[in-house]
Amino acid sequence: MFGCIPGRKSSREKILDAAAELVSEIGSGRLTLDAVAERAGLSKGGLLYNFPSKEALLQGMIQRLVDEVSSKKEALRRQAPLGRNLEARLCTQALLTMCSNGKMKEIATGMLAASSENPRLLEPVRNVVKETLGKLKSTSDDLDASLLAWLAVEGLRSMEMHDISPFSDDDREKIVDAINRLLSKGIAE
């Protein structure tokens, strides 16, 4: 970005980091702009310049989560071997990687709680879900396998995000292996 010193975080990044820390500690309902500004080491005016309202801040946090999953997927794309259901493999792997990140899970949980008060906050997520479905439909060698794998990962991610997963680490590894087999070999007809 113009005007930023390489390696240093922008005010916007500092604010989003501070908000994420606070959401994971106290939840989105108790999040205040004053607390975020203080945690970020900025004035409230500096915060309001970047995010004029709490809703704008929460939208920024959700967009950041969406962007992080997208970035992870593109990083995986550079390393992924070509083959069956490439887009589905990238999508499921990015989601699995992101949901195993404990801090990400806490932030996503806080954002989900915030969206229950304001469902419009999830609009970027809805758009990504629609885009993902479209990409899977247009690129999958075995659409049934791709859709089942995606749904399985989303189900696993949801259970983990809500701390209701009954699966041990060994169970999870077996599930992930089964998802990967499904995507590489397809569904036997």
C-alpha atoms as a PDB file:
ATOM      1  CA  MET A   1       0.000   0.000   0.000  1.00  0.00           C
ATOM      2  CA  PHE A   2       1.168   3.496  -0.726  1.00  0.00           C
ATOM      3  CA  GLY A   3       2.487   5.240   2.364  1.00  0.00           C
ATOM      4  CA  CYS A   4       2.954   2.054   4.391  1.00  0.00           C
ATOM      5  CA  ILE A   5       6.352   0.950   5.526  1.00  0.00           C
ATOM      6  CA  PRO A   6       6.955  -2.690   4.561  1.00  0.00           C
ATOM      7  CA  GLY A   7       6.624  -4.987   7.570  1.00  0.00           C
ATOM      8  CA  ARG A   8       4.598  -2.504   9.606  1.00  0.00           C
ATOM      9  CA  LYS A   9       0.902  -2.935  10.136  1.00  0.00           C
ATOM     10  CA  SER A  10      -1.483  -0.296   8.918  1.00  0.00           C
ATOM     11  CA  SER A  11      -3.891   1.337  11.361  1.00  0.00           C
ATOM     12  CA  ARG A  12      -6.667  -0.708   9.782  1.00  0.00           C
ATOM     13  CA  GLU A  13      -4.786  -3.969  10.437  1.00  0.00           C
ATOM     14  CA  LYS A  14      -4.032  -2.929  14.024  1.00  0.00           C
ATOM     15  CA  ILE A  15      -7.707  -2.165  14.587  1.00  0.00           C
ATOM     16  CA  LEU A  16      -8.840  -5.484  13.107  1.00  0.00           C
ATOM     17  CA  ASP A  17      -6.247  -7.368  15.184  1.00  0.00           C
ATOM     18  CA  ALA A  18      -7.345  -5.576  18.357  1.00  0.00           C
ATOM     19  CA  ALA A  19     -11.023  -6.196  17.607  1.00  0.00           C
ATOM     20  CA  ALA A  20     -10.329  -9.881  16.935  1.00  0.00           C
ATOM     21  CA  GLU A  21      -8.502 -10.222  20.263  1.00  0.00           C
ATOM     22  CA  LEU A  22     -11.352  -8.545  22.095  1.00  0.00           C
ATOM     23  CA  VAL A  23     -14.050 -10.599  20.372  1.00  0.00           C
ATOM     24  CA  SER A  24     -12.222 -13.779  21.335  1.00  0.00           C
ATOM     25  CA  GLU A  25     -11.938 -12.548  24.939  1.00  0.00           C
ATOM     26  CA  ILE A  26     -15.295 -10.890  25.597  1.00  0.00           C
ATOM     27  CA  GLY A  27     -17.511 -11.638  22.592  1.00  0.00           C
ATOM     28  CA  SER A  28     -18.897  -9.320  19.965  1.00  0.00           C
ATOM     29  CA  GLY A  29     -21.862  -8.185  22.053  1.00  0.00           C
ATOM     30  CA  ARG A  30     -19.621  -6.481  24.612  1.00  0.00           C
ATOM     31  CA  LEU A  31     -17.198  -5.098  22.033  1.00  0.00           C
ATOM     32  CA  THR A  32     -16.929  -1.303  22.130  1.00  0.00           C
ATOM     33  CA  LEU A  33     -15.133   1.060  19.797  1.00  0.00           C
ATOM     34  CA  ASP A  34     -13.386   2.659  22.789  1.00  0.00           C
ATOM     35  CA  ALA A  35     -11.988  -0.700  23.874  1.00  0.00           C
ATOM     36  CA  VAL A  36     -10.808  -1.482  20.339  1.00  0.00           C
ATOM     37  CA  ALA A  37      -9.109   1.910  19.975  1.00  0.00           C
ATOM     38  CA  GLU A  38      -7.370   1.475  23.319  1.00  0.00           C
ATOM     39  CA  ARG A  39      -6.220  -2.075  22.481  1.00  0.00           C
ATOM     40  CA  ALA A  40      -4.969  -0.937  19.054  1.00  0.00           C
ATOM     41  CA  GLY A  41      -3.074   1.972  20.598  1.00  0.00           C
ATOM     42  CA  LEU A  42      -4.966   4.512  18.512  1.00  0.00           C
ATOM     43  CA  SER A  43      -7.268   7.411  19.213  1.00  0.00           C
ATOM     44  CA  LYS A  44     -10.979   6.830  18.816  1.00  0.00           C
ATOM     45  CA  GLY A  45     -10.860   9.322  15.939  1.00  0.00           C
ATOM     46  CA  GLY A  46      -8.250   7.137  14.215  1.00  0.00           C
ATOM     47  CA  LEU A  47     -10.514   4.147  14.632  1.00  0.00           C
ATOM     48  CA  LEU A  48     -13.567   6.042  13.380  1.00  0.00           C
ATOM     49  CA  TYR A  49     -11.613   7.187  10.323  1.00  0.00           C
ATOM     50  CA  ASN A  50     -11.174   3.529   9.335  1.00  0.00           C
ATOM     51  CA  PHE A  51     -14.450   2.160  10.716  1.00  0.00           C
ATOM     52  CA  PRO A  52     -17.166   4.775  11.294  1.00  0.00           C
ATOM     53  CA  SER A  53     -19.352   2.404  13.345  1.00  0.00           C
ATOM     54  CA  LYS A  54     -19.288  -0.854  15.250  1.00  0.00           C
ATOM     55  CA  GLU A  55     -21.209  -2.438  12.377  1.00  0.00           C
ATOM     56  CA  ALA A  56     -18.548  -1.281   9.904  1.00  0.00           C
ATOM     57  CA  LEU A  57     -15.878  -2.771  12.160  1.00  0.00           C
ATOM     58  CA  LEU A  58     -17.715  -6.100  12.393  1.00  0.00           C
ATOM     59  CA  GLN A  59     -18.175  -6.078   8.603  1.00  0.00           C
ATOM     60  CA  GLY A  60     -14.451  -5.468   8.251  1.00  0.00           C
ATOM     61  CA  MET A  61     -13.697  -8.388  10.530  1.00  0.00           C
ATOM     62  CA  ILE A  62     -15.957 -10.729   8.570  1.00  0.00           C
ATOM     63  CA  GLN A  63     -14.487  -9.562   5.262  1.00  0.00           C
ATOM     64  CA  ARG A  64     -11.024 -10.182   6.680  1.00  0.00           C
ATOM     65  CA  LEU A  65     -11.987 -13.784   7.556  1.00  0.00           C
ATOM     66  CA  VAL A  66     -13.346 -14.270   4.035  1.00  0.00           C
ATOM     67  CA  ASP A  67     -10.152 -12.798   2.557  1.00  0.00           C
ATOM     68  CA  GLU A  68      -7.944 -15.006   4.743  1.00  0.00           C
ATOM     69  CA  VAL A  69      -9.711 -18.167   3.563  1.00  0.00           C
ATOM     70  CA  SER A  70      -9.391 -16.959  -0.041  1.00  0.00           C
ATOM     71  CA  SER A  71      -5.674 -16.207   0.442  1.00  0.00           C
ATOM     72  CA  LYS A  72      -5.110 -19.609   1.988  1.00  0.00           C
ATOM     73  CA  LYS A  73      -6.875 -21.255  -0.941  1.00  0.00           C
ATOM     74  CA  GLU A  74      -4.707 -19.391  -3.454  1.00  0.00           C
ATOM     75  CA  ALA A  75      -1.535 -20.316  -1.542  1.00  0.00           C
ATOM     76  CA  LEU A  76      -2.623 -23.960  -1.658  1.00  0.00           C
ATOM     77  CA  ARG A  77      -3.332 -23.619  -5.404  1.00  0.00           C
ATOM     78  CA  ARG A  78       0.325 -22.782  -6.060  1.00  0.00           C
ATOM     79  CA  GLN A  79       1.369 -26.069  -4.396  1.00  0.00           C
ATOM     80  CA  ALA A  80      -1.495 -28.381  -5.351  1.00  0.00           C
ATOM     81  CA  PRO A  81      -0.973 -31.131  -7.860  1.00  0.00           C
ATOM     82  CA  LEU A  82      -3.356 -31.035 -10.777  1.00  0.00           C
ATOM     83  CA  GLY A  83      -5.984 -33.710 -10.770  1.00  0.00           C
ATOM     84  CA  ARG A  84      -9.606 -34.494 -10.131  1.00  0.00           C
ATOM     85  CA  ASN A  85     -11.792 -31.949  -8.400  1.00  0.00           C
ATOM     86  CA  LEU A  86      -8.985 -29.430  -7.935  1.00  0.00           C
ATOM     87  CA  GLU A  87     -11.242 -26.558  -6.873  1.00  0.00           C
ATOM     88  CA  ALA A  88     -13.059 -28.751  -4.336  1.00  0.00           C
ATOM     89  CA  ARG A  89      -9.730 -30.009  -2.957  1.00  0.00           C
ATOM     90  CA  LEU A  90      -8.495 -26.435  -2.549  1.00  0.00           C
ATOM     91  CA  CYS A  91     -11.737 -25.274  -0.945  1.00  0.00           C
ATOM     92  CA  THR A  92     -11.925 -28.130   1.549  1.00  0.00           C
ATOM     93  CA  GLN A  93      -8.231 -27.928   2.442  1.00  0.00           C
ATOM     94  CA  ALA A  94      -8.382 -24.159   3.026  1.00  0.00           C
ATOM     95  CA  LEU A  95     -11.438 -24.540   5.265  1.00  0.00           C
ATOM     96  CA  LEU A  96      -9.881 -27.429   7.200  1.00  0.00           C
ATOM     97  CA  THR A  97      -6.665 -25.487   7.721  1.00  0.00           C
ATOM     98  CA  MET A  98      -8.455 -22.349   8.845  1.00  0.00           C
ATOM     99  CA  CYS A  99     -10.837 -24.122  11.211  1.00  0.00           C
ATOM    100  CA  SER A 100      -7.996 -25.937  12.957  1.00  0.00           C
ATOM    101  CA  ASN A 101      -6.559 -22.526  13.875  1.00  0.00           C
ATOM    102  CA  GLY A 102      -7.856 -21.934  17.438  1.00  0.00           C
ATOM    103  CA  LYS A 103      -7.773 -18.138  17.262  1.00  0.00           C
ATOM    104  CA  MET A 104      -9.633 -18.156  13.949  1.00  0.00           C
ATOM    105  CA  LYS A 105     -12.275 -20.379  15.516  1.00  0.00           C
ATOM    106  CA  GLU A 106     -12.794 -17.940  18.391  1.00  0.00           C
ATOM    107  CA  ILE A 107     -13.084 -14.991  16.036  1.00  0.00           C
ATOM    108  CA  ALA A 108     -15.481 -16.831  13.716  1.00  0.00           C
ATOM    109  CA  THR A 109     -17.633 -17.801  16.690  1.00  0.00           C
ATOM    110  CA  GLY A 110     -17.770 -14.179  17.825  1.00  0.00           C
ATOM    111  CA  MET A 111     -18.670 -13.039  14.337  1.00  0.00           C
ATOM    112  CA  LEU A 112     -21.423 -15.634  14.120  1.00  0.00           C
ATOM    113  CA  ALA A 113     -22.862 -14.291  17.368  1.00  0.00           C
ATOM    114  CA  ALA A 114     -22.722 -10.740  15.991  1.00  0.00           C
ATOM    115  CA  SER A 115     -24.485 -11.824  12.818  1.00  0.00           C
ATOM    116  CA  SER A 116     -27.384 -13.224  14.833  1.00  0.00           C
ATOM    117  CA  GLU A 117     -28.125  -9.646  15.885  1.00  0.00           C
ATOM    118  CA  ASN A 118     -27.510  -8.308  12.390  1.00  0.00           C
ATOM    119  CA  PRO A 119     -27.844 -10.942   9.629  1.00  0.00           C
ATOM    120  CA  ARG A 120     -26.658  -8.432   6.999  1.00  0.00           C
ATOM    121  CA  LEU A 121     -23.143  -8.871   8.376  1.00  0.00           C
ATOM    122  CA  LEU A 122     -23.003 -12.287   6.718  1.00  0.00           C
ATOM    123  CA  GLU A 123     -23.564 -10.933   3.204  1.00  0.00           C
ATOM    124  CA  PRO A 124     -19.866 -11.377   2.219  1.00  0.00           C
ATOM    125  CA  VAL A 125     -20.040 -14.978   3.451  1.00  0.00           C
ATOM    126  CA  ARG A 126     -23.245 -15.603   1.492  1.00  0.00           C
ATOM    127  CA  ASN A 127     -21.525 -14.275  -1.634  1.00  0.00           C
ATOM    128  CA  VAL A 128     -18.513 -16.543  -1.150  1.00  0.00           C
ATOM    129  CA  VAL A 129     -20.758 -19.564  -0.597  1.00  0.00           C
ATOM    130  CA  LYS A 130     -22.624 -18.805  -3.852  1.00  0.00           C
ATOM    131  CA  GLU A 131     -19.328 -18.292  -5.717  1.00  0.00           C
ATOM    132  CA  THR A 132     -17.933 -21.525  -4.303  1.00  0.00           C
ATOM    133  CA  LEU A 133     -20.994 -23.493  -5.386  1.00  0.00           C
ATOM    134  CA  GLY A 134     -20.754 -21.986  -8.860  1.00  0.00           C
ATOM    135  CA  LYS A 135     -17.055 -22.851  -9.124  1.00  0.00           C
ATOM    136  CA  LEU A 136     -17.627 -26.391  -7.899  1.00  0.00           C
ATOM    137  CA  LYS A 137     -20.442 -26.851 -10.419  1.00  0.00           C
ATOM    138  CA  SER A 138     -18.327 -25.547 -13.299  1.00  0.00           C
ATOM    139  CA  THR A 139     -14.994 -27.216 -12.481  1.00  0.00           C
ATOM    140  CA  SER A 140     -15.642 -30.516 -10.712  1.00  0.00           C
ATOM    141  CA  ASP A 141     -14.903 -33.780 -12.453  1.00  0.00           C
ATOM    142  CA  ASP A 142     -17.275 -35.455  -9.997  1.00  0.00           C
ATOM    143  CA  LEU A 143     -19.774 -32.889  -8.752  1.00  0.00           C
ATOM    144  CA  ASP A 144     -21.452 -35.294  -6.315  1.00  0.00           C
ATOM    145  CA  ALA A 145     -18.116 -36.038  -4.627  1.00  0.00           C
ATOM    146  CA  SER A 146     -17.193 -32.339  -4.555  1.00  0.00           C
ATOM    147  CA  LEU A 147     -20.485 -31.276  -3.003  1.00  0.00           C
ATOM    148  CA  LEU A 148     -20.433 -34.061  -0.397  1.00  0.00           C
ATOM    149  CA  ALA A 149     -16.838 -33.234   0.546  1.00  0.00           C
ATOM    150  CA  TRP A 150     -17.622 -29.523   0.856  1.00  0.00           C
ATOM    151  CA  LEU A 151     -20.681 -30.210   2.994  1.00  0.00           C
ATOM    152  CA  ALA A 152     -18.730 -32.647   5.170  1.00  0.00           C
ATOM    153  CA  VAL A 153     -16.025 -30.054   5.806  1.00  0.00           C
ATOM    154  CA  GLU A 154     -18.580 -27.358   6.547  1.00  0.00           C
ATOM    155  CA  GLY A 155     -20.328 -29.712   8.987  1.00  0.00           C
ATOM    156  CA  LEU A 156     -17.061 -30.606  10.701  1.00  0.00           C
ATOM    157  CA  ARG A 157     -16.077 -26.938  10.823  1.00  0.00           C
ATOM    158  CA  SER A 158     -19.427 -25.970  12.314  1.00  0.00           C
ATOM    159  CA  MET A 159     -19.190 -28.642  15.007  1.00  0.00           C
ATOM    160  CA  GLU A 160     -15.650 -27.566  15.866  1.00  0.00           C
ATOM    161  CA  MET A 161     -16.564 -23.876  15.867  1.00  0.00           C
ATOM    162  CA  HIS A 162     -19.377 -24.517  18.343  1.00  0.00           C
ATOM    163  CA  ASP A 163     -17.235 -26.849  20.486  1.00  0.00           C
ATOM    164  CA  ILE A 164     -19.678 -29.730  20.022  1.00  0.00           C
ATOM    165  CA  SER A 165     -17.496 -32.037  17.945  1.00  0.00           C
ATOM    166  CA  PRO A 166     -17.425 -35.559  19.425  1.00  0.00           C
ATOM    167  CA  PHE A 167     -14.441 -36.486  17.246  1.00  0.00           C
ATOM    168  CA  SER A 168     -10.972 -37.186  18.621  1.00  0.00           C
ATOM    169  CA  ASP A 169      -7.928 -35.960  16.698  1.00  0.00           C
ATOM    170  CA  ASP A 170      -7.602 -39.492  15.293  1.00  0.00           C
ATOM    171  CA  ASP A 171     -11.266 -39.493  14.229  1.00  0.00           C
ATOM    172  CA  ARG A 172     -10.820 -36.100  12.577  1.00  0.00           C
ATOM    173  CA  GLU A 173      -7.781 -37.312  10.696  1.00  0.00           C
ATOM    174  CA  LYS A 174      -9.738 -40.321   9.409  1.00  0.00           C
ATOM    175  CA  ILE A 175     -12.600 -38.061   8.324  1.00  0.00           C
ATOM    176  CA  VAL A 176     -10.208 -35.751   6.481  1.00  0.00           C
ATOM    177  CA  ASP A 177      -8.554 -38.765   4.815  1.00  0.00           C
ATOM    178  CA  ALA A 178     -11.989 -40.011   3.713  1.00  0.00           C
ATOM    179  CA  ILE A 179     -12.836 -36.569   2.301  1.00  0.00           C
ATOM    180  CA  ASN A 180      -9.559 -36.510   0.379  1.00  0.00           C
ATOM    181  CA  ARG A 181     -10.170 -40.039  -0.960  1.00  0.00           C
ATOM    182  CA  LEU A 182     -13.670 -39.023  -2.021  1.00  0.00           C
ATOM    183  CA  LEU A 183     -12.302 -36.051  -3.937  1.00  0.00           C
ATOM    184  CA  SER A 184      -9.458 -37.967  -5.587  1.00  0.00           C
ATOM    185  CA  LYS A 185     -11.332 -41.170  -6.451  1.00  0.00           C
ATOM    186  CA  GLY A 186     -14.929 -39.951  -6.744  1.00  0.00           C
ATOM    187  CA  ILE A 187     -18.117 -41.744  -5.921  1.00  0.00           C
ATOM    188  CA  ALA A 188     -18.413 -45.319  -7.112  1.00  0.00           C
ATOM    189  CA  GLU A 189     -21.534 -45.672  -9.192  1.00  0.00           C
END
